[in-house]
Amino acid sequence: MKKVEAIIRPFRMDDVREALAEVGVKGMTLTEVKGYGRQKGHTEMYRGSEYQIDFLPKIKLEVVVADSLADKVVDTILKAAKTGQVGDGKIFIYDIEDVIRVRTGESGEDAL
């Protein structure tokens, strides 16, 4: 099994969620996060004063899928989240040793 973790722009989340549902992803975890990379924040005006925003709002999306579906999930996220501008995000892929469903005690891919 693989865990696919993506950091994406907040306004792309609905497109990504719909695209993942179409390829068979049944569940995901979503977290609102802040961070920066090459985008390095930006400057805004508030009540006549200029101030620097270093950490930009992002969405962290986590999905655990069978090995056979991992590449398709990564490609789907890439297509749905891409705007072509700096700050589109990153995708991380991890190996998952096991998963257990708390309610039933099922483990492995059956628990997904």
PDB file of N, CA and C in Angstrom:
ATOM      1  N   MET A   1       0.841  -1.176   0.000  1.00  0.00           N
ATOM      2  CA  MET A   1       0.000   0.000   0.000  1.00  0.00           C
ATOM      3  C   MET A   1       0.886   1.239   0.000  1.00  0.00           C
ATOM      4  N   LYS A   2       0.324   2.324  -0.495  1.00  0.00           N
ATOM      5  CA  LYS A   2       1.043   3.590  -0.559  1.00  0.00           C
ATOM      6  C   LYS A   2       0.203   4.696   0.064  1.00  0.00           C
ATOM      7  N   LYS A   3       0.893   5.623   0.713  1.00  0.00           N
ATOM      8  CA  LYS A   3       0.250   6.843   1.201  1.00  0.00           C
ATOM      9  C   LYS A   3       0.701   7.957   0.262  1.00  0.00           C
ATOM     10  N   VAL A   4      -0.261   8.622  -0.338  1.00  0.00           N
ATOM     11  CA  VAL A   4       0.017   9.752  -1.216  1.00  0.00           C
ATOM     12  C   VAL A   4      -0.399  11.001  -0.455  1.00  0.00           C
ATOM     13  N   GLU A   5       0.568  11.871  -0.225  1.00  0.00           N
ATOM     14  CA  GLU A   5       0.346  13.105   0.527  1.00  0.00           C
ATOM     15  C   GLU A   5       0.610  14.269  -0.423  1.00  0.00           C
ATOM     16  N   ALA A   6      -0.355  15.140  -0.598  1.00  0.00           N
ATOM     17  CA  ALA A   6      -0.204  16.256  -1.529  1.00  0.00           C
ATOM     18  C   ALA A   6      -0.462  17.570  -0.807  1.00  0.00           C
ATOM     19  N   ILE A   7       0.381  18.554  -1.084  1.00  0.00           N
ATOM     20  CA  ILE A   7       0.195  19.916  -0.601  1.00  0.00           C
ATOM     21  C   ILE A   7      -0.227  20.717  -1.831  1.00  0.00           C
ATOM     22  N   ILE A   8      -1.451  21.256  -1.813  1.00  0.00           N
ATOM     23  CA  ILE A   8      -1.989  21.931  -2.994  1.00  0.00           C
ATOM     24  C   ILE A   8      -2.615  23.265  -2.626  1.00  0.00           C
ATOM     25  N   ARG A   9      -2.950  24.044  -3.642  1.00  0.00           N
ATOM     26  CA  ARG A   9      -3.639  25.316  -3.439  1.00  0.00           C
ATOM     27  C   ARG A   9      -5.075  25.045  -2.985  1.00  0.00           C
ATOM     28  N   PRO A  10      -5.579  25.819  -2.029  1.00  0.00           N
ATOM     29  CA  PRO A  10      -6.931  25.576  -1.511  1.00  0.00           C
ATOM     30  C   PRO A  10      -8.028  25.602  -2.578  1.00  0.00           C
ATOM     31  N   PHE A  11      -7.944  26.499  -3.540  1.00  0.00           N
ATOM     32  CA  PHE A  11      -9.023  26.607  -4.525  1.00  0.00           C
ATOM     33  C   PHE A  11      -9.035  25.456  -5.524  1.00  0.00           C
ATOM     34  N   ARG A  12      -8.030  24.603  -5.523  1.00  0.00           N
ATOM     35  CA  ARG A  12      -7.994  23.433  -6.409  1.00  0.00           C
ATOM     36  C   ARG A  12      -8.560  22.183  -5.737  1.00  0.00           C
ATOM     37  N   MET A  13      -8.902  22.269  -4.450  1.00  0.00           N
ATOM     38  CA  MET A  13      -9.314  21.092  -3.686  1.00  0.00           C
ATOM     39  C   MET A  13     -10.542  20.406  -4.263  1.00  0.00           C
ATOM     40  N   ASP A  14     -11.581  21.146  -4.617  1.00  0.00           N
ATOM     41  CA  ASP A  14     -12.797  20.506  -5.134  1.00  0.00           C
ATOM     42  C   ASP A  14     -12.524  19.743  -6.427  1.00  0.00           C
ATOM     43  N   ASP A  15     -11.715  20.314  -7.310  1.00  0.00           N
ATOM     44  CA  ASP A  15     -11.366  19.630  -8.553  1.00  0.00           C
ATOM     45  C   ASP A  15     -10.595  18.345  -8.280  1.00  0.00           C
ATOM     46  N   VAL A  16      -9.668  18.408  -7.336  1.00  0.00           N
ATOM     47  CA  VAL A  16      -8.865  17.232  -6.985  1.00  0.00           C
ATOM     48  C   VAL A  16      -9.749  16.154  -6.368  1.00  0.00           C
ATOM     49  N   ARG A  17     -10.636  16.538  -5.451  1.00  0.00           N
ATOM     50  CA  ARG A  17     -11.518  15.568  -4.799  1.00  0.00           C
ATOM     51  C   ARG A  17     -12.414  14.859  -5.810  1.00  0.00           C
ATOM     52  N   GLU A  18     -13.004  15.618  -6.719  1.00  0.00           N
ATOM     53  CA  GLU A  18     -13.877  15.022  -7.737  1.00  0.00           C
ATOM     54  C   GLU A  18     -13.094  14.088  -8.658  1.00  0.00           C
ATOM     55  N   ALA A  19     -11.906  14.494  -9.061  1.00  0.00           N
ATOM     56  CA  ALA A  19     -11.088  13.661  -9.939  1.00  0.00           C
ATOM     57  C   ALA A  19     -10.666  12.364  -9.249  1.00  0.00           C
ATOM     58  N   LEU A  20     -10.318  12.450  -7.957  1.00  0.00           N
ATOM     59  CA  LEU A  20      -9.940  11.242  -7.219  1.00  0.00           C
ATOM     60  C   LEU A  20     -11.124  10.294  -7.046  1.00  0.00           C
ATOM     61  N   ALA A  21     -12.311  10.832  -6.825  1.00  0.00           N
ATOM     62  CA  ALA A  21     -13.504   9.983  -6.707  1.00  0.00           C
ATOM     63  C   ALA A  21     -13.746   9.221  -8.015  1.00  0.00           C
ATOM     64  N   GLU A  22     -13.477   9.866  -9.148  1.00  0.00           N
ATOM     65  CA  GLU A  22     -13.674   9.221 -10.450  1.00  0.00           C
ATOM     66  C   GLU A  22     -12.723   8.051 -10.680  1.00  0.00           C
ATOM     67  N   VAL A  23     -11.530   8.090 -10.077  1.00  0.00           N
ATOM     68  CA  VAL A  23     -10.583   6.982 -10.263  1.00  0.00           C
ATOM     69  C   VAL A  23     -10.697   5.922  -9.169  1.00  0.00           C
ATOM     70  N   GLY A  24     -11.638   6.087  -8.246  1.00  0.00           N
ATOM     71  CA  GLY A  24     -11.896   5.043  -7.269  1.00  0.00           C
ATOM     72  C   GLY A  24     -11.410   5.273  -5.861  1.00  0.00           C
ATOM     73  N   VAL A  25     -10.962   6.476  -5.539  1.00  0.00           N
ATOM     74  CA  VAL A  25     -10.541   6.771  -4.165  1.00  0.00           C
ATOM     75  C   VAL A  25     -11.785   6.933  -3.311  1.00  0.00           C
ATOM     76  N   LYS A  26     -11.864   6.147  -2.238  1.00  0.00           N
ATOM     77  CA  LYS A  26     -13.065   6.131  -1.404  1.00  0.00           C
ATOM     78  C   LYS A  26     -12.980   7.023  -0.171  1.00  0.00           C
ATOM     79  N   GLY A  27     -11.780   7.393   0.238  1.00  0.00           N
ATOM     80  CA  GLY A  27     -11.640   8.222   1.423  1.00  0.00           C
ATOM     81  C   GLY A  27     -10.337   8.996   1.403  1.00  0.00           C
ATOM     82  N   MET A  28     -10.304  10.077   2.157  1.00  0.00           N
ATOM     83  CA  MET A  28      -9.106  10.897   2.233  1.00  0.00           C
ATOM     84  C   MET A  28      -9.151  11.725   3.500  1.00  0.00           C
ATOM     85  N   THR A  29      -8.003  12.251   3.875  1.00  0.00           N
ATOM     86  CA  THR A  29      -7.906  13.153   5.015  1.00  0.00           C
ATOM     87  C   THR A  29      -7.431  14.496   4.489  1.00  0.00           C
ATOM     88  N   LEU A  30      -8.058  15.545   4.968  1.00  0.00           N
ATOM     89  CA  LEU A  30      -7.756  16.892   4.513  1.00  0.00           C
ATOM     90  C   LEU A  30      -7.397  17.762   5.714  1.00  0.00           C
ATOM     91  N   THR A  31      -6.313  18.523   5.591  1.00  0.00           N
ATOM     92  CA  THR A  31      -5.884  19.416   6.657  1.00  0.00           C
ATOM     93  C   THR A  31      -5.563  20.772   6.053  1.00  0.00           C
ATOM     94  N   GLU A  32      -6.019  21.841   6.700  1.00  0.00           N
ATOM     95  CA  GLU A  32      -5.638  23.180   6.276  1.00  0.00           C
ATOM     96  C   GLU A  32      -4.295  23.494   6.927  1.00  0.00           C
ATOM     97  N   VAL A  33      -3.300  23.815   6.110  1.00  0.00           N
ATOM     98  CA  VAL A  33      -1.951  24.082   6.594  1.00  0.00           C
ATOM     99  C   VAL A  33      -1.453  25.408   6.032  1.00  0.00           C
ATOM    100  N   LYS A  34      -0.315  25.867   6.547  1.00  0.00           N
ATOM    101  CA  LYS A  34       0.346  27.049   6.007  1.00  0.00           C
ATOM    102  C   LYS A  34       1.806  26.710   5.770  1.00  0.00           C
ATOM    103  N   GLY A  35       2.378  27.301   4.742  1.00  0.00           N
ATOM    104  CA  GLY A  35       3.778  27.050   4.466  1.00  0.00           C
ATOM    105  C   GLY A  35       4.266  27.878   3.306  1.00  0.00           C
ATOM    106  N   TYR A  36       5.524  27.657   2.944  1.00  0.00           N
ATOM    107  CA  TYR A  36       6.089  28.322   1.779  1.00  0.00           C
ATOM    108  C   TYR A  36       7.221  27.484   1.220  1.00  0.00           C
ATOM    109  N   GLY A  37       7.516  27.721  -0.023  1.00  0.00           N
ATOM    110  CA  GLY A  37       8.635  27.087  -0.696  1.00  0.00           C
ATOM    111  C   GLY A  37       9.243  28.130  -1.603  1.00  0.00           C
ATOM    112  N   ARG A  38       9.279  27.842  -2.880  1.00  0.00           N
ATOM    113  CA  ARG A  38       9.821  28.809  -3.836  1.00  0.00           C
ATOM    114  C   ARG A  38       8.938  30.040  -3.963  1.00  0.00           C
ATOM    115  N   GLN A  39       7.675  29.901  -3.619  1.00  0.00           N
ATOM    116  CA  GLN A  39       6.732  31.019  -3.721  1.00  0.00           C
ATOM    117  C   GLN A  39       7.086  32.140  -2.738  1.00  0.00           C
ATOM    118  N   LYS A  40       7.597  31.787  -1.577  1.00  0.00           N
ATOM    119  CA  LYS A  40       8.141  32.713  -0.575  1.00  0.00           C
ATOM    120  C   LYS A  40       7.203  33.812  -0.098  1.00  0.00           C
ATOM    121  N   GLY A  41       5.909  33.560  -0.055  1.00  0.00           N
ATOM    122  CA  GLY A  41       4.983  34.550   0.491  1.00  0.00           C
ATOM    123  C   GLY A  41       4.751  35.725  -0.430  1.00  0.00           C
ATOM    124  N   HIS A  42       4.075  36.741   0.108  1.00  0.00           N
ATOM    125  CA  HIS A  42       3.798  37.940  -0.661  1.00  0.00           C
ATOM    126  C   HIS A  42       3.485  39.098   0.284  1.00  0.00           C
ATOM    127  N   THR A  43       3.357  40.288  -0.281  1.00  0.00           N
ATOM    128  CA  THR A  43       3.074  41.491   0.501  1.00  0.00           C
ATOM    129  C   THR A  43       1.626  41.903   0.288  1.00  0.00           C
ATOM    130  N   GLU A  44       0.947  42.327   1.359  1.00  0.00           N
ATOM    131  CA  GLU A  44      -0.431  42.805   1.277  1.00  0.00           C
ATOM    132  C   GLU A  44      -0.552  44.137   1.998  1.00  0.00           C
ATOM    133  N   MET A  45      -1.634  44.854   1.676  1.00  0.00           N
ATOM    134  CA  MET A  45      -1.932  46.131   2.341  1.00  0.00           C
ATOM    135  C   MET A  45      -3.123  45.911   3.273  1.00  0.00           C
ATOM    136  N   TYR A  46      -3.044  46.448   4.490  1.00  0.00           N
ATOM    137  CA  TYR A  46      -4.150  46.389   5.433  1.00  0.00           C
ATOM    138  C   TYR A  46      -4.219  47.733   6.144  1.00  0.00           C
ATOM    139  N   ARG A  47      -5.336  48.439   5.968  1.00  0.00           N
ATOM    140  CA  ARG A  47      -5.543  49.759   6.561  1.00  0.00           C
ATOM    141  C   ARG A  47      -4.382  50.712   6.303  1.00  0.00           C
ATOM    142  N   GLY A  48      -3.911  50.678   5.069  1.00  0.00           N
ATOM    143  CA  GLY A  48      -2.855  51.590   4.668  1.00  0.00           C
ATOM    144  C   GLY A  48      -1.446  51.152   5.001  1.00  0.00           C
ATOM    145  N   SER A  49      -1.314  50.049   5.706  1.00  0.00           N
ATOM    146  CA  SER A  49       0.023  49.551   6.062  1.00  0.00           C
ATOM    147  C   SER A  49       0.345  48.314   5.237  1.00  0.00           C
ATOM    148  N   GLU A  50       1.565  48.254   4.782  1.00  0.00           N
ATOM    149  CA  GLU A  50       2.021  47.106   4.021  1.00  0.00           C
ATOM    150  C   GLU A  50       2.634  46.088   4.986  1.00  0.00           C
ATOM    151  N   TYR A  51       2.301  44.811   4.804  1.00  0.00           N
ATOM    152  CA  TYR A  51       2.907  43.780   5.643  1.00  0.00           C
ATOM    153  C   TYR A  51       3.172  42.525   4.824  1.00  0.00           C
ATOM    154  N   GLN A  52       4.131  41.764   5.282  1.00  0.00           N
ATOM    155  CA  GLN A  52       4.598  40.569   4.584  1.00  0.00           C
ATOM    156  C   GLN A  52       3.870  39.332   5.110  1.00  0.00           C
ATOM    157  N   ILE A  53       3.350  38.511   4.204  1.00  0.00           N
ATOM    158  CA  ILE A  53       2.766  37.222   4.559  1.00  0.00           C
ATOM    159  C   ILE A  53       3.770  36.157   4.135  1.00  0.00           C
ATOM    160  N   ASP A  54       4.430  35.551   5.123  1.00  0.00           N
ATOM    161  CA  ASP A  54       5.454  34.556   4.831  1.00  0.00           C
ATOM    162  C   ASP A  54       4.879  33.164   4.601  1.00  0.00           C
ATOM    163  N   PHE A  55       3.865  32.799   5.369  1.00  0.00           N
ATOM    164  CA  PHE A  55       3.274  31.472   5.263  1.00  0.00           C
ATOM    165  C   PHE A  55       1.937  31.577   4.541  1.00  0.00           C
ATOM    166  N   LEU A  56       1.834  30.868   3.427  1.00  0.00           N
ATOM    167  CA  LEU A  56       0.635  30.925   2.605  1.00  0.00           C
ATOM    168  C   LEU A  56      -0.282  29.753   2.921  1.00  0.00           C
ATOM    169  N   PRO A  57      -1.605  29.959   2.842  1.00  0.00           N
ATOM    170  CA  PRO A  57      -2.538  28.866   3.108  1.00  0.00           C
ATOM    171  C   PRO A  57      -2.466  27.798   2.020  1.00  0.00           C
ATOM    172  N   LYS A  58      -2.430  26.559   2.445  1.00  0.00           N
ATOM    173  CA  LYS A  58      -2.404  25.407   1.542  1.00  0.00           C
ATOM    174  C   LYS A  58      -3.324  24.333   2.114  1.00  0.00           C
ATOM    175  N   ILE A  59      -3.576  23.317   1.313  1.00  0.00           N
ATOM    176  CA  ILE A  59      -4.340  22.149   1.736  1.00  0.00           C
ATOM    177  C   ILE A  59      -3.412  20.940   1.688  1.00  0.00           C
ATOM    178  N   LYS A  60      -3.410  20.168   2.765  1.00  0.00           N
ATOM    179  CA  LYS A  60      -2.649  18.913   2.792  1.00  0.00           C
ATOM    180  C   LYS A  60      -3.660  17.780   2.668  1.00  0.00           C
ATOM    181  N   LEU A  61      -3.522  17.013   1.618  1.00  0.00           N
ATOM    182  CA  LEU A  61      -4.430  15.917   1.299  1.00  0.00           C
ATOM    183  C   LEU A  61      -3.677  14.606   1.483  1.00  0.00           C
ATOM    184  N   GLU A  62      -4.257  13.678   2.239  1.00  0.00           N
ATOM    185  CA  GLU A  62      -3.632  12.376   2.476  1.00  0.00           C
ATOM    186  C   GLU A  62      -4.566  11.269   2.023  1.00  0.00           C
ATOM    187  N   VAL A  63      -4.027  10.340   1.222  1.00  0.00           N
ATOM    188  CA  VAL A  63      -4.804   9.220   0.699  1.00  0.00           C
ATOM    189  C   VAL A  63      -3.949   7.968   0.807  1.00  0.00           C
ATOM    190  N   VAL A  64      -4.517   6.892   1.324  1.00  0.00           N
ATOM    191  CA  VAL A  64      -3.830   5.596   1.349  1.00  0.00           C
ATOM    192  C   VAL A  64      -4.559   4.677   0.375  1.00  0.00           C
ATOM    193  N   VAL A  65      -3.797   4.120  -0.574  1.00  0.00           N
ATOM    194  CA  VAL A  65      -4.388   3.296  -1.627  1.00  0.00           C
ATOM    195  C   VAL A  65      -3.544   2.053  -1.851  1.00  0.00           C
ATOM    196  N   ALA A  66      -4.125   1.093  -2.569  1.00  0.00           N
ATOM    197  CA  ALA A  66      -3.391  -0.111  -2.968  1.00  0.00           C
ATOM    198  C   ALA A  66      -2.263   0.288  -3.908  1.00  0.00           C
ATOM    199  N   ASP A  67      -1.189  -0.487  -3.916  1.00  0.00           N
ATOM    200  CA  ASP A  67      -0.051  -0.208  -4.793  1.00  0.00           C
ATOM    201  C   ASP A  67      -0.482  -0.031  -6.250  1.00  0.00           C
ATOM    202  N   SER A  68      -1.442  -0.832  -6.675  1.00  0.00           N
ATOM    203  CA  SER A  68      -1.884  -0.788  -8.077  1.00  0.00           C
ATOM    204  C   SER A  68      -2.562   0.529  -8.451  1.00  0.00           C
ATOM    205  N   LEU A  69      -3.084   1.250  -7.480  1.00  0.00           N
ATOM    206  CA  LEU A  69      -3.798   2.500  -7.741  1.00  0.00           C
ATOM    207  C   LEU A  69      -2.938   3.742  -7.513  1.00  0.00           C
ATOM    208  N   ALA A  70      -1.768   3.572  -6.911  1.00  0.00           N
ATOM    209  CA  ALA A  70      -0.942   4.711  -6.497  1.00  0.00           C
ATOM    210  C   ALA A  70      -0.538   5.612  -7.660  1.00  0.00           C
ATOM    211  N   ASP A  71      -0.045   5.039  -8.747  1.00  0.00           N
ATOM    212  CA  ASP A  71       0.387   5.865  -9.885  1.00  0.00           C
ATOM    213  C   ASP A  71      -0.775   6.645 -10.481  1.00  0.00           C
ATOM    214  N   LYS A  72      -1.933   6.016 -10.548  1.00  0.00           N
ATOM    215  CA  LYS A  72      -3.120   6.688 -11.093  1.00  0.00           C
ATOM    216  C   LYS A  72      -3.543   7.853 -10.191  1.00  0.00           C
ATOM    217  N   VAL A  73      -3.451   7.663  -8.885  1.00  0.00           N
ATOM    218  CA  VAL A  73      -3.791   8.722  -7.936  1.00  0.00           C
ATOM    219  C   VAL A  73      -2.833   9.899  -8.084  1.00  0.00           C
ATOM    220  N   VAL A  74      -1.540   9.621  -8.194  1.00  0.00           N
ATOM    221  CA  VAL A  74      -0.543  10.684  -8.359  1.00  0.00           C
ATOM    222  C   VAL A  74      -0.808  11.459  -9.651  1.00  0.00           C
ATOM    223  N   ASP A  75      -1.043  10.752 -10.755  1.00  0.00           N
ATOM    224  CA  ASP A  75      -1.316  11.416 -12.039  1.00  0.00           C
ATOM    225  C   ASP A  75      -2.583  12.263 -11.962  1.00  0.00           C
ATOM    226  N   THR A  76      -3.595  11.754 -11.286  1.00  0.00           N
ATOM    227  CA  THR A  76      -4.859  12.478 -11.142  1.00  0.00           C
ATOM    228  C   THR A  76      -4.664  13.772 -10.356  1.00  0.00           C
ATOM    229  N   ILE A  77      -3.923  13.689  -9.255  1.00  0.00           N
ATOM    230  CA  ILE A  77      -3.653  14.891  -8.456  1.00  0.00           C
ATOM    231  C   ILE A  77      -2.854  15.900  -9.279  1.00  0.00           C
ATOM    232  N   LEU A  78      -1.834  15.421  -9.993  1.00  0.00           N
ATOM    233  CA  LEU A  78      -1.019  16.310 -10.826  1.00  0.00           C
ATOM    234  C   LEU A  78      -1.877  17.081 -11.821  1.00  0.00           C
ATOM    235  N   LYS A  79      -2.767  16.384 -12.512  1.00  0.00           N
ATOM    236  CA  LYS A  79      -3.597  17.030 -13.533  1.00  0.00           C
ATOM    237  C   LYS A  79      -4.617  17.991 -12.920  1.00  0.00           C
ATOM    238  N   ALA A  80      -5.230  17.593 -11.808  1.00  0.00           N
ATOM    239  CA  ALA A  80      -6.301  18.404 -11.220  1.00  0.00           C
ATOM    240  C   ALA A  80      -5.785  19.599 -10.425  1.00  0.00           C
ATOM    241  N   ALA A  81      -4.580  19.514  -9.875  1.00  0.00           N
ATOM    242  CA  ALA A  81      -4.068  20.578  -9.010  1.00  0.00           C
ATOM    243  C   ALA A  81      -3.186  21.588  -9.745  1.00  0.00           C
ATOM    244  N   LYS A  82      -2.757  21.261 -10.939  1.00  0.00           N
ATOM    245  CA  LYS A  82      -1.783  22.095 -11.644  1.00  0.00           C
ATOM    246  C   LYS A  82      -2.407  23.372 -12.203  1.00  0.00           C
ATOM    247  N   THR A  83      -1.746  24.506 -11.920  1.00  0.00           N
ATOM    248  CA  THR A  83      -2.107  25.776 -12.551  1.00  0.00           C
ATOM    249  C   THR A  83      -0.976  26.260 -13.445  1.00  0.00           C
ATOM    250  N   GLY A  84       0.223  25.685 -13.272  1.00  0.00           N
ATOM    251  CA  GLY A  84       1.376  26.089 -14.049  1.00  0.00           C
ATOM    252  C   GLY A  84       2.171  27.226 -13.435  1.00  0.00           C
ATOM    253  N   GLN A  85       1.798  27.641 -12.227  1.00  0.00           N
ATOM    254  CA  GLN A  85       2.477  28.744 -11.555  1.00  0.00           C
ATOM    255  C   GLN A  85       3.258  28.232 -10.351  1.00  0.00           C
ATOM    256  N   VAL A  86       4.248  29.021  -9.919  1.00  0.00           N
ATOM    257  CA  VAL A  86       4.995  28.690  -8.712  1.00  0.00           C
ATOM    258  C   VAL A  86       4.008  28.622  -7.550  1.00  0.00           C
ATOM    259  N   GLY A  87       4.117  27.594  -6.712  1.00  0.00           N
ATOM    260  CA  GLY A  87       3.226  27.453  -5.562  1.00  0.00           C
ATOM    261  C   GLY A  87       2.133  26.428  -5.755  1.00  0.00           C
ATOM    262  N   ASP A  88       2.180  25.666  -6.861  1.00  0.00           N
ATOM    263  CA  ASP A  88       1.163  24.637  -7.096  1.00  0.00           C
ATOM    264  C   ASP A  88       1.222  23.515  -6.065  1.00  0.00           C
ATOM    265  N   GLY A  89       2.381  23.275  -5.459  1.00  0.00           N
ATOM    266  CA  GLY A  89       2.465  22.289  -4.391  1.00  0.00           C
ATOM    267  C   GLY A  89       3.448  21.174  -4.651  1.00  0.00           C
ATOM    268  N   LYS A  90       3.330  20.141  -3.836  1.00  0.00           N
ATOM    269  CA  LYS A  90       4.211  18.976  -3.897  1.00  0.00           C
ATOM    270  C   LYS A  90       3.380  17.728  -3.621  1.00  0.00           C
ATOM    271  N   ILE A  91       3.892  16.586  -4.089  1.00  0.00           N
ATOM    272  CA  ILE A  91       3.286  15.288  -3.803  1.00  0.00           C
ATOM    273  C   ILE A  91       4.371  14.393  -3.216  1.00  0.00           C
ATOM    274  N   PHE A  92       4.058  13.755  -2.093  1.00  0.00           N
ATOM    275  CA  PHE A  92       4.979  12.829  -1.430  1.00  0.00           C
ATOM    276  C   PHE A  92       4.335  11.443  -1.437  1.00  0.00           C
ATOM    277  N   ILE A  93       5.145  10.401  -1.641  1.00  0.00           N
ATOM    278  CA  ILE A  93       4.631   9.035  -1.689  1.00  0.00           C
ATOM    279  C   ILE A  93       5.407   8.192  -0.679  1.00  0.00           C
ATOM    280  N   TYR A  94       4.665   7.517   0.207  1.00  0.00           N
ATOM    281  CA  TYR A  94       5.270   6.709   1.271  1.00  0.00           C
ATOM    282  C   TYR A  94       4.775   5.268   1.154  1.00  0.00           C
ATOM    283  N   ASP A  95       5.608   4.326   1.569  1.00  0.00           N
ATOM    284  CA  ASP A  95       5.174   2.936   1.710  1.00  0.00           C
ATOM    285  C   ASP A  95       4.423   2.795   3.028  1.00  0.00           C
ATOM    286  N   ILE A  96       3.328   2.049   3.001  1.00  0.00           N
ATOM    287  CA  ILE A  96       2.536   1.775   4.203  1.00  0.00           C
ATOM    288  C   ILE A  96       2.636   0.286   4.494  1.00  0.00           C
ATOM    289  N   GLU A  97       3.075  -0.039   5.689  1.00  0.00           N
ATOM    290  CA  GLU A  97       3.265  -1.439   6.060  1.00  0.00           C
ATOM    291  C   GLU A  97       1.933  -2.139   6.309  1.00  0.00           C
ATOM    292  N   ASP A  98       1.034  -1.489   7.035  1.00  0.00           N
ATOM    293  CA  ASP A  98      -0.252  -2.116   7.358  1.00  0.00           C
ATOM    294  C   ASP A  98      -1.244  -1.036   7.762  1.00  0.00           C
ATOM    295  N   VAL A  99      -2.506  -1.370   7.685  1.00  0.00           N
ATOM    296  CA  VAL A  99      -3.584  -0.497   8.146  1.00  0.00           C
ATOM    297  C   VAL A  99      -4.635  -1.393   8.803  1.00  0.00           C
ATOM    298  N   ILE A 100      -5.247  -0.911   9.863  1.00  0.00           N
ATOM    299  CA  ILE A 100      -6.264  -1.678  10.585  1.00  0.00           C
ATOM    300  C   ILE A 100      -7.500  -0.807  10.761  1.00  0.00           C
ATOM    301  N   ARG A 101      -8.637  -1.331  10.370  1.00  0.00           N
ATOM    302  CA  ARG A 101      -9.904  -0.631  10.582  1.00  0.00           C
ATOM    303  C   ARG A 101     -10.326  -0.853  12.032  1.00  0.00           C
ATOM    304  N   VAL A 102     -10.510   0.210  12.772  1.00  0.00           N
ATOM    305  CA  VAL A 102     -10.789   0.129  14.204  1.00  0.00           C
ATOM    306  C   VAL A 102     -12.116  -0.586  14.471  1.00  0.00           C
ATOM    307  N   ARG A 103     -13.155  -0.259  13.722  1.00  0.00           N
ATOM    308  CA  ARG A 103     -14.491  -0.810  13.987  1.00  0.00           C
ATOM    309  C   ARG A 103     -14.533  -2.326  13.854  1.00  0.00           C
ATOM    310  N   THR A 104     -13.903  -2.896  12.798  1.00  0.00           N
ATOM    311  CA  THR A 104     -14.027  -4.313  12.528  1.00  0.00           C
ATOM    312  C   THR A 104     -12.773  -5.133  12.791  1.00  0.00           C
ATOM    313  N   GLY A 105     -11.643  -4.471  12.900  1.00  0.00           N
ATOM    314  CA  GLY A 105     -10.374  -5.194  13.085  1.00  0.00           C
ATOM    315  C   GLY A 105      -9.775  -5.688  11.779  1.00  0.00           C
ATOM    316  N   GLU A 106     -10.420  -5.390  10.621  1.00  0.00           N
ATOM    317  CA  GLU A 106      -9.866  -5.782   9.334  1.00  0.00           C
ATOM    318  C   GLU A 106      -8.498  -5.125   9.151  1.00  0.00           C
ATOM    319  N   SER A 107      -7.622  -5.788   8.402  1.00  0.00           N
ATOM    320  CA  SER A 107      -6.312  -5.212   8.164  1.00  0.00           C
ATOM    321  C   SER A 107      -5.932  -5.329   6.701  1.00  0.00           C
ATOM    322  N   GLY A 108      -4.861  -4.656   6.339  1.00  0.00           N
ATOM    323  CA  GLY A 108      -4.393  -4.662   4.954  1.00  0.00           C
ATOM    324  C   GLY A 108      -5.332  -3.885   4.049  1.00  0.00           C
ATOM    325  N   GLU A 109      -5.321  -4.265   2.755  1.00  0.00           N
ATOM    326  CA  GLU A 109      -6.153  -3.562   1.780  1.00  0.00           C
ATOM    327  C   GLU A 109      -7.638  -3.689   2.072  1.00  0.00           C
ATOM    328  N   ASP A 110      -8.055  -4.730   2.781  1.00  0.00           N
ATOM    329  CA  ASP A 110      -9.470  -4.878   3.161  1.00  0.00           C
ATOM    330  C   ASP A 110      -9.924  -3.740   4.064  1.00  0.00           C
ATOM    331  N   ALA A 111      -8.999  -3.149   4.801  1.00  0.00           N
ATOM    332  CA  ALA A 111      -9.347  -2.063   5.724  1.00  0.00           C
ATOM    333  C   ALA A 111      -9.471  -0.712   5.028  1.00  0.00           C
ATOM    334  N   LEU A 112      -9.029  -0.640   3.771  1.00  0.00           N
ATOM    335  CA  LEU A 112      -9.134   0.617   3.041  1.00  0.00           C
ATOM    336  C   LEU A 112     -10.561   0.817   2.594  1.00  0.00           C
TER     337      LEU A 112
END
